[in-house]
Amino acid sequence: MRMHDKWTITASAALLMGALFACKKKEEPPPAPTPPPAPTPTASAEPPKEEKKKDDDVKRYGDKEKEESGTVMVLLPNAKVYKEADDSTTHIATLSKGTLVNRKVRYSNWMLVD
């Protein structure tokens, strides 16, 4: 190697090492104190109000339901949607043929869809 190349490599290494040693990590300020937790609400003298069941809630059948998943296409024209597994009740919606619905659970021959 030529003398000039040795000095260039040595000078470059010295500058690199000097730069690394000269850089100091800045000290981070201590974290801000966390605010005290909000006080828990106390029970009022009034009895809790019962939540009303929404009119659009469907009847559920607990352990009798079998969980299902997947998306299916409605094959019947004007398929009626009921609030419970009983076709003698009034229907709440009508689905057109070709509509895609997400299956949730099955009860007997009835299917709960999203």
N, C-alpha and C. Protein backbone atom coordinates (compact mmCIF):
# COMPACT_ATOMS: atom_id res chain seq x y z
N MET A 1 0.84 -1.17 0.00
CA MET A 1 0.00 0.00 0.00
C MET A 1 0.89 1.24 0.00
N ARG A 2 0.37 2.24 -0.55
CA ARG A 2 1.14 3.47 -0.57
C ARG A 2 0.99 4.19 0.75
N MET A 3 1.94 5.00 1.06
CA MET A 3 1.98 5.74 2.32
C MET A 3 0.77 6.66 2.45
N HIS A 4 0.36 7.23 1.35
CA HIS A 4 -0.78 8.14 1.35
C HIS A 4 -2.05 7.40 1.76
N ASP A 5 -2.28 6.17 1.30
CA ASP A 5 -3.47 5.38 1.64
C ASP A 5 -3.49 5.00 3.11
N LYS A 6 -2.32 4.68 3.69
CA LYS A 6 -2.27 4.34 5.11
C LYS A 6 -2.68 5.53 5.97
N TRP A 7 -2.19 6.72 5.62
CA TRP A 7 -2.54 7.90 6.40
C TRP A 7 -4.03 8.24 6.25
N THR A 8 -4.59 8.05 5.09
CA THR A 8 -6.02 8.33 4.87
C THR A 8 -6.89 7.39 5.70
N ILE A 9 -6.53 6.11 5.71
CA ILE A 9 -7.30 5.14 6.49
C ILE A 9 -7.16 5.43 7.98
N THR A 10 -5.96 5.74 8.44
CA THR A 10 -5.72 6.03 9.86
C THR A 10 -6.46 7.29 10.28
N ALA A 11 -6.41 8.32 9.45
CA ALA A 11 -7.09 9.58 9.78
C ALA A 11 -8.60 9.37 9.80
N SER A 12 -9.12 8.61 8.85
CA SER A 12 -10.57 8.35 8.80
C SER A 12 -11.03 7.59 10.03
N ALA A 13 -10.26 6.58 10.43
CA ALA A 13 -10.61 5.79 11.61
C ALA A 13 -10.56 6.65 12.86
N ALA A 14 -9.55 7.53 12.96
CA ALA A 14 -9.44 8.40 14.14
C ALA A 14 -10.61 9.37 14.21
N LEU A 15 -10.99 9.93 13.07
CA LEU A 15 -12.13 10.86 13.06
C LEU A 15 -13.43 10.14 13.43
N LEU A 16 -13.60 8.93 12.92
CA LEU A 16 -14.79 8.15 13.23
C LEU A 16 -14.86 7.82 14.72
N MET A 17 -13.74 7.39 15.28
CA MET A 17 -13.72 7.07 16.71
C MET A 17 -13.96 8.32 17.55
N GLY A 18 -13.38 9.44 17.14
CA GLY A 18 -13.58 10.70 17.87
C GLY A 18 -15.04 11.12 17.85
N ALA A 19 -15.69 10.95 16.69
CA ALA A 19 -17.09 11.33 16.58
C ALA A 19 -17.96 10.44 17.47
N LEU A 20 -17.63 9.14 17.52
CA LEU A 20 -18.41 8.23 18.36
C LEU A 20 -18.26 8.55 19.84
N PHE A 21 -17.02 8.87 20.27
CA PHE A 21 -16.81 9.18 21.69
C PHE A 21 -17.34 10.55 22.06
N ALA A 22 -17.40 11.46 21.09
CA ALA A 22 -17.87 12.81 21.38
C ALA A 22 -19.38 12.87 21.55
N CYS A 23 -20.10 11.96 20.92
CA CYS A 23 -21.57 11.95 21.02
C CYS A 23 -21.96 11.39 22.38
N LYS A 24 -22.68 12.20 23.11
CA LYS A 24 -23.18 11.75 24.41
C LYS A 24 -24.69 11.65 24.34
N LYS A 25 -25.19 10.68 25.00
CA LYS A 25 -26.63 10.53 25.06
C LYS A 25 -27.18 11.58 26.01
N LYS A 26 -28.17 12.31 25.53
CA LYS A 26 -28.77 13.34 26.38
C LYS A 26 -29.60 12.67 27.45
N GLU A 27 -29.53 13.26 28.62
CA GLU A 27 -30.34 12.71 29.71
C GLU A 27 -31.79 13.10 29.49
N GLU A 28 -32.67 12.12 29.66
CA GLU A 28 -34.09 12.36 29.49
C GLU A 28 -34.66 12.92 30.78
N PRO A 29 -35.60 13.87 30.66
CA PRO A 29 -36.21 14.41 31.88
C PRO A 29 -37.03 13.32 32.55
N PRO A 30 -37.19 13.41 33.85
CA PRO A 30 -37.99 12.39 34.56
C PRO A 30 -39.43 12.43 34.05
N PRO A 31 -40.09 11.27 34.05
CA PRO A 31 -41.47 11.24 33.55
C PRO A 31 -42.40 12.09 34.41
N ALA A 32 -43.40 12.65 33.75
CA ALA A 32 -44.37 13.48 34.47
C ALA A 32 -45.16 12.61 35.43
N PRO A 33 -45.50 13.14 36.59
CA PRO A 33 -46.29 12.34 37.54
C PRO A 33 -47.67 12.05 36.95
N THR A 34 -48.15 10.86 37.23
CA THR A 34 -49.48 10.48 36.74
C THR A 34 -50.55 11.12 37.61
N PRO A 35 -51.66 11.52 36.98
CA PRO A 35 -52.73 12.13 37.78
C PRO A 35 -53.36 11.09 38.70
N PRO A 36 -53.89 11.54 39.81
CA PRO A 36 -54.53 10.59 40.73
C PRO A 36 -55.76 9.97 40.06
N PRO A 37 -56.10 8.73 40.43
CA PRO A 37 -57.26 8.09 39.82
C PRO A 37 -58.54 8.83 40.16
N ALA A 38 -59.47 8.79 39.23
CA ALA A 38 -60.76 9.46 39.44
C ALA A 38 -61.50 8.77 40.58
N PRO A 39 -62.22 9.53 41.37
CA PRO A 39 -62.97 8.90 42.45
C PRO A 39 -64.08 8.00 41.88
N THR A 40 -64.33 6.90 42.56
CA THR A 40 -65.38 5.99 42.10
C THR A 40 -66.73 6.57 42.48
N PRO A 41 -67.70 6.45 41.59
CA PRO A 41 -69.02 7.00 41.91
C PRO A 41 -69.67 6.21 43.04
N THR A 42 -70.39 6.90 43.84
CA THR A 42 -71.09 6.25 44.94
C THR A 42 -72.50 5.91 44.50
N ALA A 43 -73.06 4.91 45.10
CA ALA A 43 -74.42 4.48 44.75
C ALA A 43 -75.41 5.53 45.21
N SER A 44 -76.34 5.86 44.33
CA SER A 44 -77.36 6.85 44.70
C SER A 44 -78.53 6.13 45.38
N ALA A 45 -79.40 6.91 45.94
CA ALA A 45 -80.54 6.36 46.63
C ALA A 45 -81.60 5.84 45.66
N GLU A 46 -81.51 6.28 44.38
CA GLU A 46 -82.50 5.85 43.40
C GLU A 46 -82.19 4.43 42.94
N PRO A 47 -83.20 3.62 42.74
CA PRO A 47 -82.96 2.27 42.20
C PRO A 47 -82.52 2.39 40.74
N PRO A 48 -81.70 1.48 40.26
CA PRO A 48 -81.25 1.58 38.87
C PRO A 48 -82.42 1.38 37.91
N LYS A 49 -82.36 2.14 36.83
CA LYS A 49 -83.42 2.02 35.83
C LYS A 49 -83.18 0.78 35.00
N GLU A 50 -84.24 0.07 34.71
CA GLU A 50 -84.12 -1.12 33.88
C GLU A 50 -83.96 -0.69 32.43
N GLU A 51 -83.04 -1.34 31.76
CA GLU A 51 -82.86 -1.02 30.36
C GLU A 51 -84.01 -1.63 29.57
N LYS A 52 -84.59 -0.81 28.72
CA LYS A 52 -85.68 -1.30 27.89
C LYS A 52 -85.10 -2.17 26.78
N LYS A 53 -85.79 -3.21 26.47
CA LYS A 53 -85.39 -4.07 25.37
C LYS A 53 -85.76 -3.34 24.09
N LYS A 54 -84.82 -3.24 23.18
CA LYS A 54 -85.08 -2.55 21.92
C LYS A 54 -86.09 -3.35 21.11
N ASP A 55 -86.85 -2.62 20.31
CA ASP A 55 -87.84 -3.28 19.46
C ASP A 55 -87.18 -4.13 18.39
N ASP A 56 -85.92 -3.79 18.01
CA ASP A 56 -85.27 -4.55 16.95
C ASP A 56 -84.45 -5.72 17.48
N ASP A 57 -84.47 -5.98 18.79
CA ASP A 57 -83.78 -7.13 19.35
C ASP A 57 -84.53 -8.40 18.97
N VAL A 58 -83.75 -9.42 18.65
CA VAL A 58 -84.38 -10.69 18.30
C VAL A 58 -84.39 -11.61 19.51
N LYS A 59 -85.30 -12.56 19.48
CA LYS A 59 -85.40 -13.53 20.57
C LYS A 59 -84.26 -14.52 20.43
N ARG A 60 -83.59 -14.82 21.54
CA ARG A 60 -82.48 -15.78 21.53
C ARG A 60 -82.90 -17.02 22.31
N TYR A 61 -82.26 -18.16 22.01
CA TYR A 61 -82.67 -19.43 22.57
C TYR A 61 -81.58 -20.12 23.38
N GLY A 62 -80.59 -19.38 23.82
CA GLY A 62 -79.56 -19.88 24.73
C GLY A 62 -78.81 -21.11 24.25
N ASP A 63 -78.82 -22.17 25.08
CA ASP A 63 -78.06 -23.39 24.79
C ASP A 63 -78.61 -24.17 23.60
N LYS A 64 -79.80 -23.86 23.17
CA LYS A 64 -80.39 -24.59 22.05
C LYS A 64 -79.82 -24.13 20.70
N GLU A 65 -79.11 -22.99 20.70
CA GLU A 65 -78.55 -22.46 19.46
C GLU A 65 -77.23 -23.15 19.13
N LYS A 66 -76.98 -23.31 17.85
CA LYS A 66 -75.72 -23.87 17.37
C LYS A 66 -74.99 -22.76 16.61
N GLU A 67 -73.77 -22.44 17.03
CA GLU A 67 -73.03 -21.35 16.41
C GLU A 67 -72.64 -21.70 14.98
N GLU A 68 -72.78 -20.72 14.09
CA GLU A 68 -72.42 -20.88 12.69
C GLU A 68 -71.67 -19.65 12.23
N SER A 69 -70.99 -19.78 11.09
CA SER A 69 -70.29 -18.63 10.54
C SER A 69 -70.32 -18.72 9.03
N GLY A 70 -69.86 -17.67 8.39
CA GLY A 70 -69.80 -17.65 6.94
C GLY A 70 -70.84 -16.72 6.35
N THR A 71 -70.66 -16.42 5.11
CA THR A 71 -71.58 -15.57 4.38
C THR A 71 -72.33 -16.42 3.37
N VAL A 72 -73.64 -16.22 3.32
CA VAL A 72 -74.48 -16.98 2.39
C VAL A 72 -75.33 -16.01 1.57
N MET A 73 -75.79 -16.51 0.43
CA MET A 73 -76.64 -15.70 -0.44
C MET A 73 -78.07 -16.15 -0.28
N VAL A 74 -78.99 -15.21 -0.19
CA VAL A 74 -80.42 -15.51 -0.11
C VAL A 74 -80.85 -16.06 -1.46
N LEU A 75 -81.45 -17.25 -1.45
CA LEU A 75 -81.85 -17.91 -2.69
C LEU A 75 -83.33 -17.71 -3.03
N LEU A 76 -84.13 -17.35 -2.04
CA LEU A 76 -85.56 -17.16 -2.26
C LEU A 76 -85.88 -15.70 -2.56
N PRO A 77 -86.79 -15.44 -3.48
CA PRO A 77 -87.18 -14.04 -3.70
C PRO A 77 -88.06 -13.58 -2.53
N ASN A 78 -87.82 -12.38 -2.06
CA ASN A 78 -88.60 -11.78 -0.97
C ASN A 78 -88.61 -12.64 0.29
N ALA A 79 -87.44 -13.04 0.76
CA ALA A 79 -87.33 -13.84 1.99
C ALA A 79 -87.63 -12.94 3.18
N LYS A 80 -88.52 -13.39 4.04
CA LYS A 80 -88.95 -12.59 5.20
C LYS A 80 -88.02 -12.85 6.39
N VAL A 81 -87.79 -11.78 7.17
CA VAL A 81 -86.94 -11.84 8.37
C VAL A 81 -87.85 -11.62 9.57
N TYR A 82 -87.76 -12.52 10.56
CA TYR A 82 -88.61 -12.45 11.75
C TYR A 82 -87.77 -12.16 12.99
N LYS A 83 -88.41 -11.63 14.05
CA LYS A 83 -87.72 -11.35 15.31
C LYS A 83 -87.52 -12.60 16.16
N GLU A 84 -88.27 -13.64 15.87
CA GLU A 84 -88.12 -14.90 16.60
C GLU A 84 -88.38 -16.06 15.66
N ALA A 85 -88.02 -17.23 16.08
CA ALA A 85 -88.13 -18.42 15.24
C ALA A 85 -89.57 -18.91 15.20
N ASP A 86 -90.45 -18.09 14.61
CA ASP A 86 -91.86 -18.43 14.53
C ASP A 86 -92.45 -17.61 13.37
N ASP A 87 -92.89 -18.29 12.32
CA ASP A 87 -93.40 -17.56 11.17
C ASP A 87 -94.82 -17.03 11.36
N SER A 88 -95.44 -17.30 12.52
CA SER A 88 -96.75 -16.73 12.79
C SER A 88 -96.63 -15.29 13.33
N THR A 89 -95.42 -14.86 13.68
CA THR A 89 -95.20 -13.48 14.13
C THR A 89 -95.04 -12.59 12.91
N THR A 90 -95.14 -11.29 13.12
CA THR A 90 -94.98 -10.36 11.99
C THR A 90 -93.51 -10.28 11.58
N HIS A 91 -93.29 -10.13 10.29
CA HIS A 91 -91.90 -10.04 9.82
C HIS A 91 -91.41 -8.60 9.95
N ILE A 92 -90.10 -8.44 10.12
CA ILE A 92 -89.52 -7.11 10.33
C ILE A 92 -88.75 -6.60 9.12
N ALA A 93 -88.44 -7.49 8.18
CA ALA A 93 -87.73 -7.08 6.97
C ALA A 93 -87.95 -8.12 5.89
N THR A 94 -87.63 -7.73 4.67
CA THR A 94 -87.69 -8.64 3.54
C THR A 94 -86.38 -8.55 2.78
N LEU A 95 -85.77 -9.69 2.50
CA LEU A 95 -84.50 -9.72 1.77
C LEU A 95 -84.73 -10.16 0.34
N SER A 96 -84.09 -9.46 -0.57
CA SER A 96 -84.20 -9.80 -1.99
C SER A 96 -83.33 -10.99 -2.33
N LYS A 97 -83.68 -11.69 -3.40
CA LYS A 97 -82.87 -12.80 -3.87
C LYS A 97 -81.49 -12.26 -4.26
N GLY A 98 -80.43 -12.96 -3.82
CA GLY A 98 -79.07 -12.55 -4.14
C GLY A 98 -78.41 -11.71 -3.05
N THR A 99 -79.15 -11.34 -2.00
CA THR A 99 -78.58 -10.57 -0.89
C THR A 99 -77.62 -11.45 -0.10
N LEU A 100 -76.46 -10.90 0.26
CA LEU A 100 -75.49 -11.65 1.07
C LEU A 100 -75.71 -11.33 2.54
N VAL A 101 -75.76 -12.37 3.37
CA VAL A 101 -75.94 -12.20 4.81
C VAL A 101 -74.89 -13.03 5.55
N ASN A 102 -74.48 -12.58 6.72
CA ASN A 102 -73.52 -13.30 7.57
C ASN A 102 -74.29 -14.15 8.57
N ARG A 103 -74.00 -15.46 8.59
CA ARG A 103 -74.65 -16.37 9.53
C ARG A 103 -74.03 -16.22 10.92
N LYS A 104 -74.86 -16.28 11.95
CA LYS A 104 -74.37 -16.22 13.33
C LYS A 104 -74.67 -17.51 14.08
N VAL A 105 -75.94 -17.88 14.18
CA VAL A 105 -76.33 -19.12 14.87
C VAL A 105 -77.50 -19.77 14.15
N ARG A 106 -77.71 -21.06 14.46
CA ARG A 106 -78.84 -21.80 13.92
C ARG A 106 -79.64 -22.34 15.11
N TYR A 107 -80.97 -22.29 14.97
CA TYR A 107 -81.88 -22.87 15.95
C TYR A 107 -82.94 -23.62 15.15
N SER A 108 -82.93 -24.92 15.26
CA SER A 108 -83.83 -25.77 14.50
C SER A 108 -83.63 -25.49 13.01
N ASN A 109 -84.70 -25.12 12.31
CA ASN A 109 -84.60 -24.79 10.89
C ASN A 109 -84.42 -23.28 10.66
N TRP A 110 -84.18 -22.53 11.72
CA TRP A 110 -84.07 -21.08 11.64
C TRP A 110 -82.61 -20.66 11.73
N MET A 111 -82.29 -19.53 11.10
CA MET A 111 -80.92 -19.04 11.11
C MET A 111 -80.93 -17.57 11.55
N LEU A 112 -80.03 -17.23 12.48
CA LEU A 112 -79.85 -15.84 12.90
C LEU A 112 -78.75 -15.27 12.02
N VAL A 113 -79.06 -14.17 11.34
CA VAL A 113 -78.10 -13.54 10.44
C VAL A 113 -77.79 -12.13 10.90
N ASP A 114 -76.65 -11.66 10.47
CA ASP A 114 -76.21 -10.30 10.79
C ASP A 114 -76.76 -9.35 9.77
